[in-house]
N, C-alpha and C. Protein backbone atom coordinates (compact mmCIF):
# COMPACT_ATOMS: atom_id res chain seq x y z
N MET A 1 85.02 191.53 135.47
CA MET A 1 83.92 191.92 134.62
C MET A 1 82.77 190.93 134.83
N PRO A 2 81.55 191.44 135.05
CA PRO A 2 80.41 190.56 135.26
C PRO A 2 80.22 189.59 134.09
N LYS A 3 79.63 188.46 134.38
CA LYS A 3 79.47 187.38 133.42
C LYS A 3 78.76 187.82 132.13
N HIS A 4 77.73 188.62 132.24
CA HIS A 4 76.93 189.00 131.08
C HIS A 4 77.14 190.46 130.68
N HIS A 5 78.24 191.06 131.11
CA HIS A 5 78.46 192.49 130.90
C HIS A 5 78.39 192.90 129.42
N GLU A 6 79.07 192.16 128.53
CA GLU A 6 79.09 192.53 127.11
C GLU A 6 77.71 192.42 126.47
N GLY A 7 77.00 191.37 126.78
CA GLY A 7 75.65 191.19 126.24
C GLY A 7 74.70 192.28 126.73
N GLU A 8 74.81 192.61 128.02
CA GLU A 8 73.97 193.67 128.58
C GLU A 8 74.31 195.01 127.94
N ALA A 9 75.58 195.26 127.68
CA ALA A 9 75.99 196.52 127.05
C ALA A 9 75.39 196.64 125.66
N ARG A 10 75.36 195.54 124.90
CA ARG A 10 74.76 195.57 123.56
C ARG A 10 73.26 195.84 123.65
N ILE A 11 72.60 195.24 124.62
CA ILE A 11 71.16 195.45 124.78
C ILE A 11 70.87 196.91 125.12
N ILE A 12 71.59 197.47 126.08
CA ILE A 12 71.38 198.86 126.48
C ILE A 12 71.72 199.80 125.34
N ALA A 13 72.76 199.48 124.56
CA ALA A 13 73.17 200.34 123.45
C ALA A 13 72.05 200.48 122.42
N GLN A 14 71.22 199.48 122.28
CA GLN A 14 70.15 199.54 121.28
C GLN A 14 68.78 199.79 121.90
N ALA A 15 68.73 200.05 123.19
CA ALA A 15 67.46 200.25 123.88
C ALA A 15 66.70 201.46 123.39
N GLY A 16 67.37 202.44 122.83
CA GLY A 16 66.71 203.66 122.36
C GLY A 16 66.24 203.61 120.93
N GLN A 17 66.33 202.44 120.28
CA GLN A 17 65.89 202.30 118.89
C GLN A 17 64.38 202.51 118.79
N PRO A 18 63.90 203.05 117.67
CA PRO A 18 62.45 203.19 117.48
C PRO A 18 61.76 201.84 117.62
N GLY A 19 60.72 201.79 118.41
CA GLY A 19 59.96 200.57 118.59
C GLY A 19 60.57 199.57 119.56
N ALA A 20 61.70 199.90 120.14
CA ALA A 20 62.37 198.96 121.05
C ALA A 20 61.66 198.92 122.40
N VAL A 21 61.60 197.74 122.96
CA VAL A 21 61.10 197.56 124.32
C VAL A 21 62.21 196.87 125.09
N THR A 22 62.69 197.50 126.14
CA THR A 22 63.76 196.94 126.95
C THR A 22 63.23 196.78 128.37
N ILE A 23 63.35 195.60 128.90
CA ILE A 23 62.87 195.32 130.25
C ILE A 23 64.07 195.12 131.16
N ALA A 24 64.10 195.84 132.26
CA ALA A 24 65.20 195.71 133.22
C ALA A 24 64.62 195.43 134.60
N THR A 25 65.41 194.76 135.40
CA THR A 25 65.00 194.49 136.77
C THR A 25 65.80 195.39 137.70
N ASN A 26 65.48 195.36 138.97
CA ASN A 26 66.21 196.17 139.93
C ASN A 26 67.62 195.64 140.16
N MET A 27 67.97 194.54 139.50
CA MET A 27 69.33 194.02 139.61
C MET A 27 70.28 194.77 138.68
N ALA A 28 69.73 195.47 137.71
CA ALA A 28 70.57 196.22 136.77
C ALA A 28 71.23 197.38 137.50
N GLY A 29 72.36 197.80 136.99
CA GLY A 29 73.08 198.91 137.61
C GLY A 29 72.34 200.22 137.43
N ARG A 30 72.58 201.14 138.33
CA ARG A 30 71.96 202.46 138.22
C ARG A 30 72.83 203.35 137.37
N GLY A 31 72.25 204.42 136.85
CA GLY A 31 73.00 205.39 136.08
C GLY A 31 73.25 204.96 134.64
N THR A 32 72.40 204.12 134.09
CA THR A 32 72.56 203.66 132.72
C THR A 32 72.03 204.71 131.76
N ASP A 33 72.82 205.04 130.75
CA ASP A 33 72.40 206.01 129.74
C ASP A 33 71.77 205.27 128.56
N ILE A 34 70.54 205.62 128.24
CA ILE A 34 69.88 205.09 127.05
C ILE A 34 69.82 206.23 126.05
N VAL A 35 70.47 206.05 124.90
CA VAL A 35 70.56 207.09 123.88
C VAL A 35 69.39 206.93 122.92
N LEU A 36 68.59 208.00 122.77
CA LEU A 36 67.46 207.94 121.87
C LEU A 36 67.95 207.77 120.44
N GLY A 37 67.49 206.73 119.77
CA GLY A 37 67.93 206.41 118.42
C GLY A 37 68.96 205.29 118.41
N GLY A 38 69.39 204.86 119.58
CA GLY A 38 70.43 203.82 119.68
C GLY A 38 71.79 204.46 119.89
N ASN A 39 72.73 203.68 120.33
CA ASN A 39 74.06 204.18 120.65
C ASN A 39 74.97 204.07 119.43
N LEU A 40 75.28 205.20 118.81
CA LEU A 40 76.08 205.23 117.58
C LEU A 40 77.49 204.69 117.82
N ASP A 41 78.09 205.00 118.96
CA ASP A 41 79.44 204.51 119.26
C ASP A 41 79.47 202.98 119.25
N MET A 42 78.47 202.35 119.84
CA MET A 42 78.41 200.89 119.88
C MET A 42 78.23 200.34 118.46
N GLU A 43 77.43 201.03 117.66
CA GLU A 43 77.21 200.61 116.28
C GLU A 43 78.51 200.67 115.48
N LEU A 44 79.27 201.74 115.70
CA LEU A 44 80.53 201.91 114.97
C LEU A 44 81.55 200.85 115.37
N LYS A 45 81.56 200.47 116.65
CA LYS A 45 82.51 199.44 117.10
C LYS A 45 82.25 198.11 116.40
N GLY A 46 80.99 197.85 116.07
CA GLY A 46 80.65 196.59 115.42
C GLY A 46 80.72 196.65 113.91
N LEU A 47 81.07 197.79 113.36
CA LEU A 47 81.09 197.98 111.91
C LEU A 47 82.31 197.30 111.30
N VAL A 48 82.09 196.44 110.33
CA VAL A 48 83.19 195.76 109.66
C VAL A 48 83.38 196.33 108.27
N THR A 49 82.28 196.64 107.59
CA THR A 49 82.36 197.21 106.25
C THR A 49 81.60 198.52 106.22
N HIS A 50 81.89 199.35 105.24
CA HIS A 50 81.18 200.62 105.09
C HIS A 50 79.80 200.39 104.48
N LEU A 51 78.87 201.23 104.86
CA LEU A 51 77.54 201.15 104.25
C LEU A 51 77.64 201.61 102.80
N ARG A 52 76.96 200.89 101.95
CA ARG A 52 76.91 201.27 100.53
C ARG A 52 75.45 201.24 100.09
N GLY A 53 75.21 201.63 98.86
CA GLY A 53 73.85 201.53 98.33
C GLY A 53 73.18 202.88 98.29
N ASN A 54 72.54 203.28 99.38
CA ASN A 54 71.78 204.53 99.34
C ASN A 54 72.66 205.74 99.62
N GLY A 55 73.93 205.55 99.91
CA GLY A 55 74.85 206.66 100.10
C GLY A 55 74.72 207.37 101.44
N ARG A 56 73.83 206.90 102.28
CA ARG A 56 73.65 207.55 103.58
C ARG A 56 74.78 207.16 104.51
N THR A 57 75.16 208.08 105.34
CA THR A 57 76.21 207.80 106.32
C THR A 57 75.59 207.19 107.57
N LEU A 58 76.42 206.58 108.39
CA LEU A 58 75.95 206.07 109.67
C LEU A 58 75.34 207.19 110.50
N TRP A 59 75.94 208.37 110.44
CA TRP A 59 75.43 209.52 111.20
C TRP A 59 74.01 209.87 110.76
N GLU A 60 73.78 209.90 109.44
CA GLU A 60 72.45 210.23 108.93
C GLU A 60 71.43 209.18 109.35
N ASN A 61 71.81 207.91 109.28
CA ASN A 61 70.90 206.84 109.70
C ASN A 61 70.58 206.96 111.18
N TRP A 62 71.60 207.22 112.02
CA TRP A 62 71.38 207.37 113.46
C TRP A 62 70.51 208.59 113.74
N GLU A 63 70.84 209.70 113.08
CA GLU A 63 70.10 210.95 113.31
C GLU A 63 68.61 210.77 112.99
N GLU A 64 68.31 210.06 111.91
CA GLU A 64 66.92 209.81 111.55
C GLU A 64 66.21 208.99 112.63
N ARG A 65 66.86 207.94 113.12
CA ARG A 65 66.27 207.12 114.19
C ARG A 65 66.08 207.93 115.47
N HIS A 66 67.10 208.74 115.82
CA HIS A 66 67.02 209.58 117.01
C HIS A 66 65.82 210.52 116.92
N ASN A 67 65.69 211.21 115.78
CA ASN A 67 64.58 212.15 115.60
C ASN A 67 63.23 211.44 115.63
N MET A 68 63.18 210.20 115.10
CA MET A 68 61.94 209.43 115.11
C MET A 68 61.53 209.11 116.55
N VAL A 69 62.49 208.74 117.39
CA VAL A 69 62.18 208.42 118.78
C VAL A 69 61.74 209.68 119.53
N VAL A 70 62.43 210.78 119.31
CA VAL A 70 62.06 212.04 119.97
C VAL A 70 60.66 212.47 119.54
N ALA A 71 60.37 212.39 118.23
CA ALA A 71 59.04 212.77 117.73
C ALA A 71 57.95 211.86 118.28
N GLY A 72 58.30 210.63 118.58
CA GLY A 72 57.34 209.68 119.14
C GLY A 72 57.13 209.84 120.64
N GLY A 73 57.75 210.83 121.23
CA GLY A 73 57.56 211.08 122.66
C GLY A 73 58.75 210.71 123.52
N GLY A 74 59.82 210.24 122.90
CA GLY A 74 61.03 209.93 123.66
C GLY A 74 60.96 208.58 124.35
N LEU A 75 61.68 208.48 125.42
CA LEU A 75 61.78 207.24 126.18
C LEU A 75 60.70 207.22 127.25
N HIS A 76 59.94 206.16 127.32
CA HIS A 76 58.90 206.02 128.33
C HIS A 76 59.36 204.96 129.33
N VAL A 77 59.39 205.32 130.58
CA VAL A 77 59.83 204.40 131.63
C VAL A 77 58.64 204.06 132.51
N LEU A 78 58.38 202.78 132.64
CA LEU A 78 57.33 202.30 133.52
C LEU A 78 58.01 201.60 134.67
N GLY A 79 57.56 201.84 135.87
CA GLY A 79 58.22 201.19 136.99
C GLY A 79 57.31 201.10 138.19
N GLY A 80 57.60 200.12 138.97
CA GLY A 80 56.90 199.97 140.23
C GLY A 80 57.75 200.54 141.36
N ARG A 81 57.20 200.57 142.52
CA ARG A 81 57.94 201.08 143.66
C ARG A 81 58.92 200.03 144.14
N ALA A 82 60.08 200.49 144.51
CA ALA A 82 61.09 199.59 145.06
C ALA A 82 61.67 200.24 146.30
N LYS A 83 61.41 199.67 147.45
CA LYS A 83 61.87 200.24 148.71
C LYS A 83 63.39 200.41 148.71
N ARG A 84 64.11 199.43 148.14
CA ARG A 84 65.57 199.50 148.10
C ARG A 84 66.03 200.74 147.33
N VAL A 85 65.35 201.05 146.23
CA VAL A 85 65.72 202.22 145.43
C VAL A 85 65.37 203.50 146.18
N GLU A 86 64.18 203.54 146.78
CA GLU A 86 63.72 204.73 147.48
C GLU A 86 64.59 205.06 148.69
N THR A 87 65.09 204.04 149.37
CA THR A 87 65.89 204.29 150.58
C THR A 87 67.38 204.28 150.30
N GLY A 88 67.75 203.96 149.06
CA GLY A 88 69.18 203.92 148.72
C GLY A 88 69.88 202.71 149.29
N GLY A 89 69.11 201.69 149.69
CA GLY A 89 69.69 200.51 150.32
C GLY A 89 70.03 199.40 149.40
């Protein structure tokens, strides 16, 4: 397992949060899924206690964030040209 694999997984899991800015280099692996609204599975894995107070479920909280990101135009990717990526090398 790569040295920073767990930390990178947490960063990618939350990359789709409203207002999030995630910067990646060409050293990152290809085929990474960024879930709009954040990755609910990753959130659930880190859950120790149940949410209380407003009575909202984790699903409702995630769904609201997801819809907010979609309404804001979704995920915007900015990138420069990379010969290695273009040639598959």
